[in-house]
Amino acid sequence: MPNKVRINLANPMELQELPGVGPEEANAIIKFRTEHGPIAAPQLSWILGAAITDAIWPQVNFDPADTTAPEAPGA
């Protein structure tokens, strides 16, 4: 199994390794982290909307969901 993508630490290129995630979706994830901090599972569904598929979930790691995302204010 390939390494999981750490959704709260990944850069845009790493995010695009997820099925259905292209540049627009990666930018939406980065924007959300910048404005709101780390992402939890329900938020990822909201951010990606139609782009999210069952194939994404086994490849996503939400750690460190309890710490500040790298681009969040105050990081």
PDB file of N, CA and C in Angstrom:
ATOM      1  N   MET A   1       0.846  -1.178   0.000  1.00  0.00           N
ATOM      2  CA  MET A   1       0.000   0.000   0.000  1.00  0.00           C
ATOM      3  C   MET A   1       0.893   1.243   0.000  1.00  0.00           C
ATOM      4  N   PRO A   2       0.603   2.232  -0.841  1.00  0.00           N
ATOM      5  CA  PRO A   2       1.427   3.437  -0.859  1.00  0.00           C
ATOM      6  C   PRO A   2       1.276   4.223   0.440  1.00  0.00           C
ATOM      7  N   ASN A   3       2.240   5.101   0.694  1.00  0.00           N
ATOM      8  CA  ASN A   3       2.160   5.949   1.880  1.00  0.00           C
ATOM      9  C   ASN A   3       0.894   6.786   1.836  1.00  0.00           C
ATOM     10  N   LYS A   4       0.339   7.025   3.012  1.00  0.00           N
ATOM     11  CA  LYS A   4      -0.841   7.880   3.090  1.00  0.00           C
ATOM     12  C   LYS A   4      -0.425   9.337   2.969  1.00  0.00           C
ATOM     13  N   VAL A   5      -1.313  10.142   2.430  1.00  0.00           N
ATOM     14  CA  VAL A   5      -1.072  11.574   2.310  1.00  0.00           C
ATOM     15  C   VAL A   5      -1.538  12.237   3.601  1.00  0.00           C
ATOM     16  N   ARG A   6      -0.644  12.960   4.231  1.00  0.00           N
ATOM     17  CA  ARG A   6      -0.971  13.667   5.477  1.00  0.00           C
ATOM     18  C   ARG A   6      -1.657  14.974   5.096  1.00  0.00           C
ATOM     19  N   ILE A   7      -2.971  14.937   5.075  1.00  0.00           N
ATOM     20  CA  ILE A   7      -3.800  16.016   4.540  1.00  0.00           C
ATOM     21  C   ILE A   7      -3.514  17.366   5.208  1.00  0.00           C
ATOM     22  N   ASN A   8      -3.086  17.356   6.467  1.00  0.00           N
ATOM     23  CA  ASN A   8      -2.840  18.607   7.177  1.00  0.00           C
ATOM     24  C   ASN A   8      -1.414  19.123   7.040  1.00  0.00           C
ATOM     25  N   LEU A   9      -0.562  18.381   6.370  1.00  0.00           N
ATOM     26  CA  LEU A   9       0.824  18.803   6.183  1.00  0.00           C
ATOM     27  C   LEU A   9       1.271  18.776   4.729  1.00  0.00           C
ATOM     28  N   ALA A  10       0.499  18.133   3.870  1.00  0.00           N
ATOM     29  CA  ALA A  10       0.910  17.920   2.479  1.00  0.00           C
ATOM     30  C   ALA A  10       0.953  19.216   1.679  1.00  0.00           C
ATOM     31  N   ASN A  11       1.894  19.268   0.761  1.00  0.00           N
ATOM     32  CA  ASN A  11       1.960  20.395  -0.173  1.00  0.00           C
ATOM     33  C   ASN A  11       1.030  20.094  -1.357  1.00  0.00           C
ATOM     34  N   PRO A  12       0.812  21.047  -2.253  1.00  0.00           N
ATOM     35  CA  PRO A  12      -0.126  20.825  -3.364  1.00  0.00           C
ATOM     36  C   PRO A  12       0.199  19.600  -4.224  1.00  0.00           C
ATOM     37  N   MET A  13       1.467  19.348  -4.478  1.00  0.00           N
ATOM     38  CA  MET A  13       1.830  18.181  -5.301  1.00  0.00           C
ATOM     39  C   MET A  13       1.491  16.873  -4.595  1.00  0.00           C
ATOM     40  N   GLU A  14       1.725  16.809  -3.286  1.00  0.00           N
ATOM     41  CA  GLU A  14       1.394  15.614  -2.518  1.00  0.00           C
ATOM     42  C   GLU A  14      -0.119  15.408  -2.479  1.00  0.00           C
ATOM     43  N   LEU A  15      -0.869  16.486  -2.330  1.00  0.00           N
ATOM     44  CA  LEU A  15      -2.333  16.369  -2.300  1.00  0.00           C
ATOM     45  C   LEU A  15      -2.866  15.822  -3.611  1.00  0.00           C
ATOM     46  N   GLN A  16      -2.213  16.175  -4.720  1.00  0.00           N
ATOM     47  CA  GLN A  16      -2.668  15.721  -6.029  1.00  0.00           C
ATOM     48  C   GLN A  16      -2.400  14.239  -6.268  1.00  0.00           C
ATOM     49  N   GLU A  17      -1.722  13.569  -5.355  1.00  0.00           N
ATOM     50  CA  GLU A  17      -1.540  12.127  -5.438  1.00  0.00           C
ATOM     51  C   GLU A  17      -2.822  11.388  -5.064  1.00  0.00           C
ATOM     52  N   LEU A  18      -3.749  12.087  -4.422  1.00  0.00           N
ATOM     53  CA  LEU A  18      -5.019  11.471  -4.033  1.00  0.00           C
ATOM     54  C   LEU A  18      -5.935  11.342  -5.248  1.00  0.00           C
ATOM     55  N   PRO A  19      -6.688  10.248  -5.348  1.00  0.00           N
ATOM     56  CA  PRO A  19      -7.599  10.070  -6.478  1.00  0.00           C
ATOM     57  C   PRO A  19      -8.630  11.188  -6.552  1.00  0.00           C
ATOM     58  N   GLY A  20      -8.770  11.800  -7.710  1.00  0.00           N
ATOM     59  CA  GLY A  20      -9.759  12.841  -7.924  1.00  0.00           C
ATOM     60  C   GLY A  20      -9.326  14.222  -7.489  1.00  0.00           C
ATOM     61  N   VAL A  21      -8.120  14.350  -6.947  1.00  0.00           N
ATOM     62  CA  VAL A  21      -7.634  15.652  -6.491  1.00  0.00           C
ATOM     63  C   VAL A  21      -6.660  16.206  -7.520  1.00  0.00           C
ATOM     64  N   GLY A  22      -7.072  17.305  -8.132  1.00  0.00           N
ATOM     65  CA  GLY A  22      -6.231  18.009  -9.090  1.00  0.00           C
ATOM     66  C   GLY A  22      -5.785  19.325  -8.493  1.00  0.00           C
ATOM     67  N   PRO A  23      -5.243  20.210  -9.316  1.00  0.00           N
ATOM     68  CA  PRO A  23      -4.756  21.498  -8.806  1.00  0.00           C
ATOM     69  C   PRO A  23      -5.828  22.331  -8.091  1.00  0.00           C
ATOM     70  N   GLU A  24      -7.039  22.363  -8.629  1.00  0.00           N
ATOM     71  CA  GLU A  24      -8.098  23.163  -7.991  1.00  0.00           C
ATOM     72  C   GLU A  24      -8.456  22.624  -6.613  1.00  0.00           C
ATOM     73  N   GLU A  25      -8.588  21.307  -6.512  1.00  0.00           N
ATOM     74  CA  GLU A  25      -8.938  20.705  -5.227  1.00  0.00           C
ATOM     75  C   GLU A  25      -7.798  20.878  -4.222  1.00  0.00           C
ATOM     76  N   ALA A  26      -6.558  20.710  -4.685  1.00  0.00           N
ATOM     77  CA  ALA A  26      -5.402  20.889  -3.802  1.00  0.00           C
ATOM     78  C   ALA A  26      -5.369  22.328  -3.281  1.00  0.00           C
ATOM     79  N   ASN A  27      -5.626  23.281  -4.157  1.00  0.00           N
ATOM     80  CA  ASN A  27      -5.652  24.685  -3.734  1.00  0.00           C
ATOM     81  C   ASN A  27      -6.777  24.954  -2.744  1.00  0.00           C
ATOM     82  N   ALA A  28      -7.921  24.296  -2.927  1.00  0.00           N
ATOM     83  CA  ALA A  28      -9.037  24.459  -1.994  1.00  0.00           C
ATOM     84  C   ALA A  28      -8.665  23.924  -0.609  1.00  0.00           C
ATOM     85  N   ILE A  29      -7.945  22.811  -0.572  1.00  0.00           N
ATOM     86  CA  ILE A  29      -7.498  22.243   0.704  1.00  0.00           C
ATOM     87  C   ILE A  29      -6.525  23.195   1.385  1.00  0.00           C
ATOM     88  N   ILE A  30      -5.552  23.700   0.631  1.00  0.00           N
ATOM     89  CA  ILE A  30      -4.570  24.634   1.185  1.00  0.00           C
ATOM     90  C   ILE A  30      -5.268  25.903   1.688  1.00  0.00           C
ATOM     91  N   LYS A  31      -6.212  26.415   0.912  1.00  0.00           N
ATOM     92  CA  LYS A  31      -6.937  27.620   1.310  1.00  0.00           C
ATOM     93  C   LYS A  31      -7.703  27.384   2.612  1.00  0.00           C
ATOM     94  N   PHE A  32      -8.375  26.232   2.714  1.00  0.00           N
ATOM     95  CA  PHE A  32      -9.115  25.922   3.931  1.00  0.00           C
ATOM     96  C   PHE A  32      -8.169  25.869   5.123  1.00  0.00           C
ATOM     97  N   ARG A  33      -7.041  25.171   4.967  1.00  0.00           N
ATOM     98  CA  ARG A  33      -6.080  25.081   6.075  1.00  0.00           C
ATOM     99  C   ARG A  33      -5.573  26.458   6.473  1.00  0.00           C
ATOM    100  N   THR A  34      -5.348  27.319   5.504  1.00  0.00           N
ATOM    101  CA  THR A  34      -4.856  28.665   5.781  1.00  0.00           C
ATOM    102  C   THR A  34      -5.861  29.468   6.587  1.00  0.00           C
ATOM    103  N   GLU A  35      -7.119  29.335   6.227  1.00  0.00           N
ATOM    104  CA  GLU A  35      -8.163  30.131   6.864  1.00  0.00           C
ATOM    105  C   GLU A  35      -8.695  29.536   8.159  1.00  0.00           C
ATOM    106  N   HIS A  36      -8.691  28.193   8.265  1.00  0.00           N
ATOM    107  CA  HIS A  36      -9.376  27.545   9.386  1.00  0.00           C
ATOM    108  C   HIS A  36      -8.513  26.612  10.214  1.00  0.00           C
ATOM    109  N   GLY A  37      -7.310  26.308   9.766  1.00  0.00           N
ATOM    110  CA  GLY A  37      -6.459  25.370  10.494  1.00  0.00           C
ATOM    111  C   GLY A  37      -6.661  23.949   9.991  1.00  0.00           C
ATOM    112  N   PRO A  38      -6.246  22.978  10.785  1.00  0.00           N
ATOM    113  CA  PRO A  38      -6.264  21.575  10.359  1.00  0.00           C
ATOM    114  C   PRO A  38      -7.653  21.079   9.949  1.00  0.00           C
ATOM    115  N   ILE A  39      -7.630  20.114   9.064  1.00  0.00           N
ATOM    116  CA  ILE A  39      -8.848  19.536   8.488  1.00  0.00           C
ATOM    117  C   ILE A  39      -9.178  18.223   9.185  1.00  0.00           C
ATOM    118  N   ALA A  40     -10.465  18.009   9.456  1.00  0.00           N
ATOM    119  CA  ALA A  40     -10.977  16.738   9.959  1.00  0.00           C
ATOM    120  C   ALA A  40     -11.776  16.078   8.829  1.00  0.00           C
ATOM    121  N   ALA A  41     -12.077  14.802   8.974  1.00  0.00           N
ATOM    122  CA  ALA A  41     -12.745  14.036   7.916  1.00  0.00           C
ATOM    123  C   ALA A  41     -14.010  14.698   7.371  1.00  0.00           C
ATOM    124  N   PRO A  42     -14.938  15.162   8.204  1.00  0.00           N
ATOM    125  CA  PRO A  42     -16.155  15.764   7.639  1.00  0.00           C
ATOM    126  C   PRO A  42     -15.852  17.010   6.797  1.00  0.00           C
ATOM    127  N   GLN A  43     -14.846  17.757   7.198  1.00  0.00           N
ATOM    128  CA  GLN A  43     -14.491  18.955   6.454  1.00  0.00           C
ATOM    129  C   GLN A  43     -13.925  18.630   5.087  1.00  0.00           C
ATOM    130  N   LEU A  44     -13.180  17.538   4.979  1.00  0.00           N
ATOM    131  CA  LEU A  44     -12.624  17.156   3.685  1.00  0.00           C
ATOM    132  C   LEU A  44     -13.738  16.861   2.698  1.00  0.00           C
ATOM    133  N   SER A  45     -14.786  16.210   3.153  1.00  0.00           N
ATOM    134  CA  SER A  45     -15.935  15.946   2.283  1.00  0.00           C
ATOM    135  C   SER A  45     -16.562  17.242   1.804  1.00  0.00           C
ATOM    136  N   TRP A  46     -16.666  18.212   2.684  1.00  0.00           N
ATOM    137  CA  TRP A  46     -17.244  19.509   2.322  1.00  0.00           C
ATOM    138  C   TRP A  46     -16.344  20.248   1.334  1.00  0.00           C
ATOM    139  N   ILE A  47     -15.040  20.229   1.569  1.00  0.00           N
ATOM    140  CA  ILE A  47     -14.089  20.945   0.715  1.00  0.00           C
ATOM    141  C   ILE A  47     -14.056  20.348  -0.688  1.00  0.00           C
ATOM    142  N   LEU A  48     -13.987  19.031  -0.772  1.00  0.00           N
ATOM    143  CA  LEU A  48     -13.830  18.375  -2.071  1.00  0.00           C
ATOM    144  C   LEU A  48     -15.142  18.125  -2.787  1.00  0.00           C
ATOM    145  N   GLY A  49     -16.234  18.056  -2.068  1.00  0.00           N
ATOM    146  CA  GLY A  49     -17.538  17.843  -2.698  1.00  0.00           C
ATOM    147  C   GLY A  49     -17.533  16.651  -3.631  1.00  0.00           C
ATOM    148  N   ALA A  50     -17.869  16.885  -4.891  1.00  0.00           N
ATOM    149  CA  ALA A  50     -17.999  15.805  -5.877  1.00  0.00           C
ATOM    150  C   ALA A  50     -16.677  15.109  -6.163  1.00  0.00           C
ATOM    151  N   ALA A  51     -15.558  15.758  -5.880  1.00  0.00           N
ATOM    152  CA  ALA A  51     -14.259  15.155  -6.180  1.00  0.00           C
ATOM    153  C   ALA A  51     -13.926  14.009  -5.231  1.00  0.00           C
ATOM    154  N   ILE A  52     -14.583  13.982  -4.066  1.00  0.00           N
ATOM    155  CA  ILE A  52     -14.236  12.951  -3.095  1.00  0.00           C
ATOM    156  C   ILE A  52     -14.841  11.612  -3.499  1.00  0.00           C
ATOM    157  N   THR A  53     -14.049  10.593  -3.381  1.00  0.00           N
ATOM    158  CA  THR A  53     -14.488   9.246  -3.729  1.00  0.00           C
ATOM    159  C   THR A  53     -14.099   8.297  -2.604  1.00  0.00           C
ATOM    160  N   ASP A  54     -14.670   7.104  -2.642  1.00  0.00           N
ATOM    161  CA  ASP A  54     -14.308   6.095  -1.647  1.00  0.00           C
ATOM    162  C   ASP A  54     -12.837   5.732  -1.744  1.00  0.00           C
ATOM    163  N   ALA A  55     -12.226   5.947  -2.908  1.00  0.00           N
ATOM    164  CA  ALA A  55     -10.814   5.619  -3.091  1.00  0.00           C
ATOM    165  C   ALA A  55      -9.900   6.548  -2.296  1.00  0.00           C
ATOM    166  N   ILE A  56     -10.386   7.721  -1.927  1.00  0.00           N
ATOM    167  CA  ILE A  56      -9.549   8.671  -1.179  1.00  0.00           C
ATOM    168  C   ILE A  56      -9.327   8.221   0.261  1.00  0.00           C
ATOM    169  N   TRP A  57     -10.368   7.766   0.929  1.00  0.00           N
ATOM    170  CA  TRP A  57     -10.305   7.540   2.376  1.00  0.00           C
ATOM    171  C   TRP A  57      -9.165   6.637   2.818  1.00  0.00           C
ATOM    172  N   PRO A  58      -8.870   5.526   2.149  1.00  0.00           N
ATOM    173  CA  PRO A  58      -7.751   4.701   2.631  1.00  0.00           C
ATOM    174  C   PRO A  58      -6.388   5.363   2.452  1.00  0.00           C
ATOM    175  N   GLN A  59      -6.326   6.410   1.658  1.00  0.00           N
ATOM    176  CA  GLN A  59      -5.043   7.045   1.359  1.00  0.00           C
ATOM    177  C   GLN A  59      -4.808   8.330   2.144  1.00  0.00           C
ATOM    178  N   VAL A  60      -5.755   8.715   3.020  1.00  0.00           N
ATOM    179  CA  VAL A  60      -5.650   9.981   3.747  1.00  0.00           C
ATOM    180  C   VAL A  60      -5.314   9.724   5.210  1.00  0.00           C
ATOM    181  N   ASN A  61      -4.386  10.523   5.712  1.00  0.00           N
ATOM    182  CA  ASN A  61      -4.038  10.518   7.130  1.00  0.00           C
ATOM    183  C   ASN A  61      -4.327  11.928   7.644  1.00  0.00           C
ATOM    184  N   PHE A  62      -5.150  12.046   8.669  1.00  0.00           N
ATOM    185  CA  PHE A  62      -5.540  13.355   9.194  1.00  0.00           C
ATOM    186  C   PHE A  62      -4.603  13.851  10.291  1.00  0.00           C
ATOM    187  N   ASP A  63      -3.597  13.075  10.656  1.00  0.00           N
ATOM    188  CA  ASP A  63      -2.624  13.534  11.648  1.00  0.00           C
ATOM    189  C   ASP A  63      -1.787  14.633  11.036  1.00  0.00           C
ATOM    190  N   PRO A  64      -1.415  15.615  11.706  1.00  0.00           N
ATOM    191  CA  PRO A  64      -1.784  15.970  13.078  1.00  0.00           C
ATOM    192  C   PRO A  64      -2.992  16.889  13.098  1.00  0.00           C
ATOM    193  N   ALA A  65      -4.161  16.337  13.203  1.00  0.00           N
ATOM    194  CA  ALA A  65      -5.399  17.114  13.171  1.00  0.00           C
ATOM    195  C   ALA A  65      -5.550  18.018  14.386  1.00  0.00           C
ATOM    196  N   ASP A  66      -4.790  17.739  15.437  1.00  0.00           N
ATOM    197  CA  ASP A  66      -4.937  18.547  16.646  1.00  0.00           C
ATOM    198  C   ASP A  66      -3.885  19.649  16.755  1.00  0.00           C
ATOM    199  N   THR A  67      -3.092  19.845  15.702  1.00  0.00           N
ATOM    200  CA  THR A  67      -2.093  20.906  15.718  1.00  0.00           C
ATOM    201  C   THR A  67      -2.360  21.874  14.572  1.00  0.00           C
ATOM    202  N   THR A  68      -1.598  22.901  14.494  1.00  0.00           N
ATOM    203  CA  THR A  68      -1.810  23.934  13.503  1.00  0.00           C
ATOM    204  C   THR A  68      -1.261  23.523  12.140  1.00  0.00           C
ATOM    205  N   ALA A  69      -2.046  23.744  11.111  1.00  0.00           N
ATOM    206  CA  ALA A  69      -1.590  23.502   9.753  1.00  0.00           C
ATOM    207  C   ALA A  69      -0.442  24.468   9.447  1.00  0.00           C
ATOM    208  N   PRO A  70       0.503  24.070   8.596  1.00  0.00           N
ATOM    209  CA  PRO A  70       1.684  24.895   8.376  1.00  0.00           C
ATOM    210  C   PRO A  70       1.408  26.321   7.900  1.00  0.00           C
ATOM    211  N   GLU A  71       0.325  26.525   7.169  1.00  0.00           N
ATOM    212  CA  GLU A  71       0.061  27.871   6.653  1.00  0.00           C
ATOM    213  C   GLU A  71      -1.007  28.618   7.438  1.00  0.00           C
ATOM    214  N   ALA A  72      -1.475  28.035   8.532  1.00  0.00           N
ATOM    215  CA  ALA A  72      -2.510  28.695   9.340  1.00  0.00           C
ATOM    216  C   ALA A  72      -1.919  29.904  10.059  1.00  0.00           C
ATOM    217  N   PRO A  73      -2.744  30.887  10.333  1.00  0.00           N
ATOM    218  CA  PRO A  73      -2.259  32.050  11.074  1.00  0.00           C
ATOM    219  C   PRO A  73      -1.653  31.615  12.406  1.00  0.00           C
ATOM    220  N   GLY A  74      -0.508  32.155  12.715  1.00  0.00           N
ATOM    221  CA  GLY A  74       0.164  31.832  13.978  1.00  0.00           C
ATOM    222  C   GLY A  74       1.027  30.597  13.935  1.00  0.00           C
ATOM    223  N   ALA A  75       1.116  29.950  12.776  1.00  0.00           N
ATOM    224  CA  ALA A  75       1.928  28.722  12.685  1.00  0.00           C
ATOM    225  C   ALA A  75       3.384  29.061  12.741  1.00  0.00           C
TER     226      ALA A  75
END
